[in-house]
N, C-alpha and C. Protein backbone atom coordinates (compact mmCIF):
# COMPACT_ATOMS: atom_id res chain seq x y z
N MET A 1 0.84 -1.19 0.00
CA MET A 1 0.00 0.00 0.00
C MET A 1 0.87 1.24 0.00
N TYR A 2 0.42 2.26 -0.65
CA TYR A 2 1.16 3.51 -0.78
C TYR A 2 1.23 4.24 0.54
N GLU A 3 2.43 4.51 1.02
CA GLU A 3 2.68 5.22 2.28
C GLU A 3 3.30 6.56 1.91
N ASN A 4 2.61 7.65 2.21
CA ASN A 4 3.06 8.94 1.71
C ASN A 4 3.38 9.97 2.78
N SER A 5 3.41 9.62 4.04
CA SER A 5 3.58 10.63 5.08
C SER A 5 4.94 11.33 5.00
N SER A 6 6.02 10.61 4.81
CA SER A 6 7.34 11.24 4.70
C SER A 6 7.42 12.10 3.45
N PHE A 7 6.88 11.58 2.36
CA PHE A 7 6.88 12.30 1.09
C PHE A 7 6.10 13.61 1.23
N GLU A 8 4.90 13.53 1.78
CA GLU A 8 4.06 14.73 1.94
C GLU A 8 4.72 15.73 2.89
N ALA A 9 5.35 15.24 3.95
CA ALA A 9 6.02 16.13 4.90
C ALA A 9 7.20 16.84 4.24
N THR A 10 7.93 16.14 3.41
CA THR A 10 9.07 16.74 2.71
C THR A 10 8.59 17.83 1.76
N LEU A 11 7.53 17.54 1.02
CA LEU A 11 6.99 18.55 0.10
C LEU A 11 6.45 19.76 0.87
N ALA A 12 5.74 19.51 1.95
CA ALA A 12 5.18 20.60 2.74
C ALA A 12 6.30 21.48 3.32
N ALA A 13 7.38 20.88 3.75
CA ALA A 13 8.49 21.65 4.29
C ALA A 13 9.15 22.49 3.20
N ALA A 14 9.25 21.94 2.01
CA ALA A 14 9.88 22.67 0.91
C ALA A 14 9.00 23.83 0.43
N ALA A 15 7.69 23.62 0.41
CA ALA A 15 6.76 24.63 -0.11
C ALA A 15 6.33 25.63 0.94
N GLU A 16 6.54 25.28 2.20
CA GLU A 16 6.07 26.09 3.33
C GLU A 16 4.58 26.36 3.16
N GLU A 17 4.17 27.60 3.06
CA GLU A 17 2.74 27.94 2.97
C GLU A 17 2.28 28.19 1.53
N ASP A 18 3.13 27.94 0.57
CA ASP A 18 2.82 28.25 -0.83
C ASP A 18 2.14 27.06 -1.51
N ALA A 19 0.82 27.11 -1.60
CA ALA A 19 0.07 26.00 -2.20
C ALA A 19 0.41 25.81 -3.68
N GLY A 20 0.68 26.91 -4.36
CA GLY A 20 1.06 26.82 -5.77
C GLY A 20 2.37 26.08 -5.95
N LEU A 21 3.34 26.39 -5.10
CA LEU A 21 4.63 25.72 -5.16
C LEU A 21 4.48 24.24 -4.82
N LEU A 22 3.64 23.94 -3.85
CA LEU A 22 3.39 22.54 -3.49
C LEU A 22 2.85 21.77 -4.69
N GLY A 23 1.91 22.37 -5.40
CA GLY A 23 1.36 21.73 -6.59
C GLY A 23 2.41 21.54 -7.68
N GLU A 24 3.26 22.54 -7.85
CA GLU A 24 4.32 22.44 -8.86
C GLU A 24 5.32 21.34 -8.50
N LEU A 25 5.68 21.25 -7.23
CA LEU A 25 6.61 20.21 -6.79
C LEU A 25 6.04 18.81 -7.02
N LYS A 26 4.77 18.64 -6.64
CA LYS A 26 4.13 17.34 -6.86
C LYS A 26 4.05 17.01 -8.34
N GLY A 27 3.70 18.00 -9.14
CA GLY A 27 3.60 17.79 -10.58
C GLY A 27 4.94 17.42 -11.20
N ALA A 28 5.99 18.13 -10.81
CA ALA A 28 7.32 17.84 -11.34
C ALA A 28 7.80 16.45 -10.91
N PHE A 29 7.55 16.11 -9.65
CA PHE A 29 7.91 14.78 -9.16
C PHE A 29 7.18 13.70 -9.96
N GLY A 30 5.87 13.86 -10.11
CA GLY A 30 5.07 12.88 -10.84
C GLY A 30 5.50 12.74 -12.28
N GLN A 31 5.76 13.86 -12.94
CA GLN A 31 6.17 13.83 -14.34
C GLN A 31 7.52 13.11 -14.49
N SER A 32 8.45 13.44 -13.63
CA SER A 32 9.76 12.80 -13.69
C SER A 32 9.66 11.31 -13.40
N LEU A 33 8.87 10.97 -12.40
CA LEU A 33 8.71 9.56 -12.05
C LEU A 33 8.05 8.77 -13.18
N ARG A 34 7.01 9.32 -13.76
CA ARG A 34 6.36 8.65 -14.90
C ARG A 34 7.35 8.41 -16.03
N TYR A 35 8.15 9.42 -16.32
CA TYR A 35 9.14 9.32 -17.40
C TYR A 35 10.16 8.21 -17.11
N GLN A 36 10.67 8.18 -15.89
CA GLN A 36 11.67 7.17 -15.54
C GLN A 36 11.08 5.76 -15.51
N VAL A 37 9.86 5.62 -15.04
CA VAL A 37 9.21 4.30 -15.05
C VAL A 37 8.99 3.85 -16.49
N ASP A 38 8.62 4.78 -17.37
CA ASP A 38 8.47 4.44 -18.78
C ASP A 38 9.80 3.98 -19.38
N LEU A 39 10.87 4.72 -19.10
CA LEU A 39 12.19 4.31 -19.59
C LEU A 39 12.57 2.94 -19.05
N LEU A 40 12.31 2.72 -17.78
CA LEU A 40 12.62 1.42 -17.18
C LEU A 40 11.84 0.31 -17.87
N SER A 41 10.58 0.57 -18.16
CA SER A 41 9.74 -0.46 -18.77
C SER A 41 10.19 -0.80 -20.19
N ARG A 42 10.89 0.12 -20.84
CA ARG A 42 11.37 -0.13 -22.20
C ARG A 42 12.82 -0.59 -22.25
N ALA A 43 13.52 -0.55 -21.12
CA ALA A 43 14.93 -0.93 -21.07
C ALA A 43 15.08 -2.44 -21.19
N ARG A 44 16.00 -2.85 -22.04
CA ARG A 44 16.27 -4.27 -22.20
C ARG A 44 17.73 -4.60 -21.96
N CYS A 45 18.57 -3.59 -21.85
CA CYS A 45 19.98 -3.86 -21.55
C CYS A 45 20.28 -3.40 -20.12
N ASP A 46 21.32 -3.96 -19.57
CA ASP A 46 21.70 -3.65 -18.19
C ASP A 46 21.93 -2.16 -17.97
N GLY A 47 22.61 -1.49 -18.91
CA GLY A 47 22.95 -0.08 -18.74
C GLY A 47 21.73 0.81 -18.65
N ASN A 48 20.79 0.66 -19.57
CA ASN A 48 19.59 1.49 -19.58
C ASN A 48 18.72 1.20 -18.35
N TRP A 49 18.62 -0.06 -18.00
CA TRP A 49 17.84 -0.45 -16.82
C TRP A 49 18.44 0.18 -15.57
N LEU A 50 19.75 0.08 -15.43
CA LEU A 50 20.44 0.61 -14.26
C LEU A 50 20.27 2.13 -14.14
N VAL A 51 20.41 2.84 -15.24
CA VAL A 51 20.27 4.30 -15.21
C VAL A 51 18.87 4.69 -14.78
N ALA A 52 17.85 4.08 -15.36
CA ALA A 52 16.46 4.42 -15.01
C ALA A 52 16.17 4.07 -13.55
N ALA A 53 16.62 2.91 -13.10
CA ALA A 53 16.38 2.50 -11.70
C ALA A 53 17.10 3.43 -10.73
N GLN A 54 18.32 3.85 -11.07
CA GLN A 54 19.05 4.77 -10.21
C GLN A 54 18.37 6.14 -10.15
N ARG A 55 17.82 6.59 -11.26
CA ARG A 55 17.11 7.87 -11.27
C ARG A 55 15.84 7.79 -10.43
N ILE A 56 15.14 6.68 -10.49
CA ILE A 56 13.96 6.50 -9.65
C ILE A 56 14.39 6.49 -8.18
N ARG A 57 15.48 5.83 -7.89
CA ARG A 57 15.99 5.79 -6.52
C ARG A 57 16.37 7.20 -6.05
N GLY A 58 16.99 7.97 -6.92
CA GLY A 58 17.37 9.33 -6.57
C GLY A 58 16.16 10.21 -6.28
N LEU A 59 15.11 10.08 -7.09
CA LEU A 59 13.86 10.81 -6.83
C LEU A 59 13.29 10.42 -5.47
N ALA A 60 13.25 9.12 -5.24
CA ALA A 60 12.68 8.63 -3.98
C ALA A 60 13.47 9.14 -2.78
N ALA A 61 14.78 9.08 -2.87
CA ALA A 61 15.62 9.53 -1.76
C ALA A 61 15.49 11.03 -1.55
N SER A 62 15.45 11.79 -2.62
CA SER A 62 15.36 13.25 -2.51
C SER A 62 14.09 13.70 -1.83
N PHE A 63 13.00 12.96 -2.05
CA PHE A 63 11.70 13.36 -1.51
C PHE A 63 11.25 12.47 -0.35
N HIS A 64 12.13 11.63 0.15
CA HIS A 64 11.82 10.75 1.29
C HIS A 64 10.58 9.89 1.03
N ALA A 65 10.48 9.38 -0.19
CA ALA A 65 9.38 8.48 -0.56
C ALA A 65 9.86 7.04 -0.29
N THR A 66 9.65 6.58 0.92
CA THR A 66 10.26 5.32 1.37
C THR A 66 9.79 4.10 0.59
N GLU A 67 8.52 4.02 0.27
CA GLU A 67 8.04 2.86 -0.49
C GLU A 67 8.65 2.86 -1.88
N LEU A 68 8.73 4.02 -2.51
CA LEU A 68 9.35 4.12 -3.83
C LEU A 68 10.83 3.78 -3.76
N LEU A 69 11.48 4.17 -2.69
CA LEU A 69 12.90 3.84 -2.50
C LEU A 69 13.08 2.32 -2.46
N HIS A 70 12.20 1.65 -1.76
CA HIS A 70 12.25 0.18 -1.70
C HIS A 70 12.04 -0.42 -3.09
N LEU A 71 11.08 0.10 -3.84
CA LEU A 71 10.82 -0.41 -5.19
C LEU A 71 12.02 -0.17 -6.10
N ALA A 72 12.65 0.99 -5.98
CA ALA A 72 13.83 1.28 -6.80
C ALA A 72 14.97 0.33 -6.46
N ASP A 73 15.16 0.06 -5.18
CA ASP A 73 16.20 -0.89 -4.78
C ASP A 73 15.92 -2.28 -5.34
N THR A 74 14.65 -2.66 -5.35
CA THR A 74 14.28 -3.95 -5.94
C THR A 74 14.58 -3.96 -7.43
N ALA A 75 14.27 -2.85 -8.11
CA ALA A 75 14.56 -2.76 -9.54
C ALA A 75 16.06 -2.86 -9.81
N LEU A 76 16.85 -2.24 -8.96
CA LEU A 76 18.30 -2.30 -9.14
C LEU A 76 18.83 -3.72 -9.04
N GLN A 77 18.14 -4.57 -8.31
CA GLN A 77 18.57 -5.96 -8.13
C GLN A 77 17.88 -6.91 -9.12
N SER A 78 16.98 -6.37 -9.93
CA SER A 78 16.22 -7.19 -10.87
C SER A 78 16.87 -7.19 -12.25
N ALA A 79 16.49 -8.16 -13.04
CA ALA A 79 16.98 -8.24 -14.41
C ALA A 79 16.24 -7.24 -15.30
N PRO A 80 16.90 -6.69 -16.30
CA PRO A 80 16.22 -5.78 -17.22
C PRO A 80 14.95 -6.41 -17.79
N GLY A 81 13.88 -5.63 -17.79
CA GLY A 81 12.61 -6.10 -18.33
C GLY A 81 11.77 -6.90 -17.35
N ASP A 82 12.19 -7.01 -16.10
CA ASP A 82 11.45 -7.79 -15.10
C ASP A 82 10.02 -7.25 -15.00
N PRO A 83 9.04 -8.02 -15.43
CA PRO A 83 7.66 -7.52 -15.44
C PRO A 83 7.06 -7.29 -14.06
N VAL A 84 7.57 -7.99 -13.06
CA VAL A 84 7.02 -7.86 -11.70
C VAL A 84 7.31 -6.47 -11.14
N ILE A 85 8.58 -6.03 -11.20
CA ILE A 85 8.91 -4.73 -10.63
C ILE A 85 8.34 -3.60 -11.47
N ILE A 86 8.26 -3.79 -12.76
CA ILE A 86 7.64 -2.76 -13.61
C ILE A 86 6.18 -2.59 -13.22
N ARG A 87 5.48 -3.69 -13.03
CA ARG A 87 4.07 -3.63 -12.63
C ARG A 87 3.93 -2.99 -11.24
N GLU A 88 4.83 -3.30 -10.33
CA GLU A 88 4.77 -2.70 -8.99
C GLU A 88 5.00 -1.19 -9.05
N LEU A 89 5.91 -0.75 -9.89
CA LEU A 89 6.15 0.69 -10.04
C LEU A 89 4.95 1.37 -10.70
N GLN A 90 4.36 0.72 -11.69
CA GLN A 90 3.15 1.28 -12.32
C GLN A 90 1.99 1.33 -11.33
N ASP A 91 1.88 0.33 -10.49
CA ASP A 91 0.86 0.34 -9.43
C ASP A 91 1.11 1.48 -8.45
N PHE A 92 2.39 1.71 -8.11
CA PHE A 92 2.74 2.82 -7.23
C PHE A 92 2.29 4.14 -7.85
N LEU A 93 2.56 4.31 -9.14
CA LEU A 93 2.13 5.53 -9.83
C LEU A 93 0.61 5.71 -9.74
N ALA A 94 -0.11 4.65 -9.99
CA ALA A 94 -1.57 4.72 -9.97
C ALA A 94 -2.10 4.99 -8.57
N GLN A 95 -1.59 4.28 -7.58
CA GLN A 95 -2.07 4.45 -6.20
C GLN A 95 -1.71 5.81 -5.62
N SER A 96 -0.62 6.38 -6.08
CA SER A 96 -0.19 7.66 -5.54
C SER A 96 -0.79 8.84 -6.29
N GLY A 97 -1.53 8.56 -7.36
CA GLY A 97 -2.16 9.63 -8.12
C GLY A 97 -1.26 10.27 -9.16
N PHE A 98 -0.14 9.64 -9.48
CA PHE A 98 0.79 10.19 -10.47
C PHE A 98 0.65 9.56 -11.85
N ALA A 99 -0.24 8.58 -11.97
CA ALA A 99 -0.41 7.89 -13.27
C ALA A 99 -1.08 8.78 -14.28
C-alpha cells in the first residue's frame, strides 16, 4: 500500500505555505517519475535499466518516498525487463495519483 507521510512532509516543508509551489513540486515529481518508469519499462539492456532505476531511486531519496525507494532498490537488483517490478512501479504511480 502507498505510504506517503514522509513524502508529503518533505513537500510541505519545501513549499512552506505556498500551495502553488506545493502543486508544482508534486507535478514535477510525478512527471519525472512517470518518465523514468516508462524508460525502465522499455529498457532491455543492463545499462539502460540501471540508469532508469538509479534515477527512480534518486527521486525517492530526494523526496523521502520510502516505499518508492524500496521499489527502486528492488529494480536495481532485478533483471532488465522484469515484469514484476515494472508492474509494482506502475501500481505505485496509480495508487499515488501520479499515473
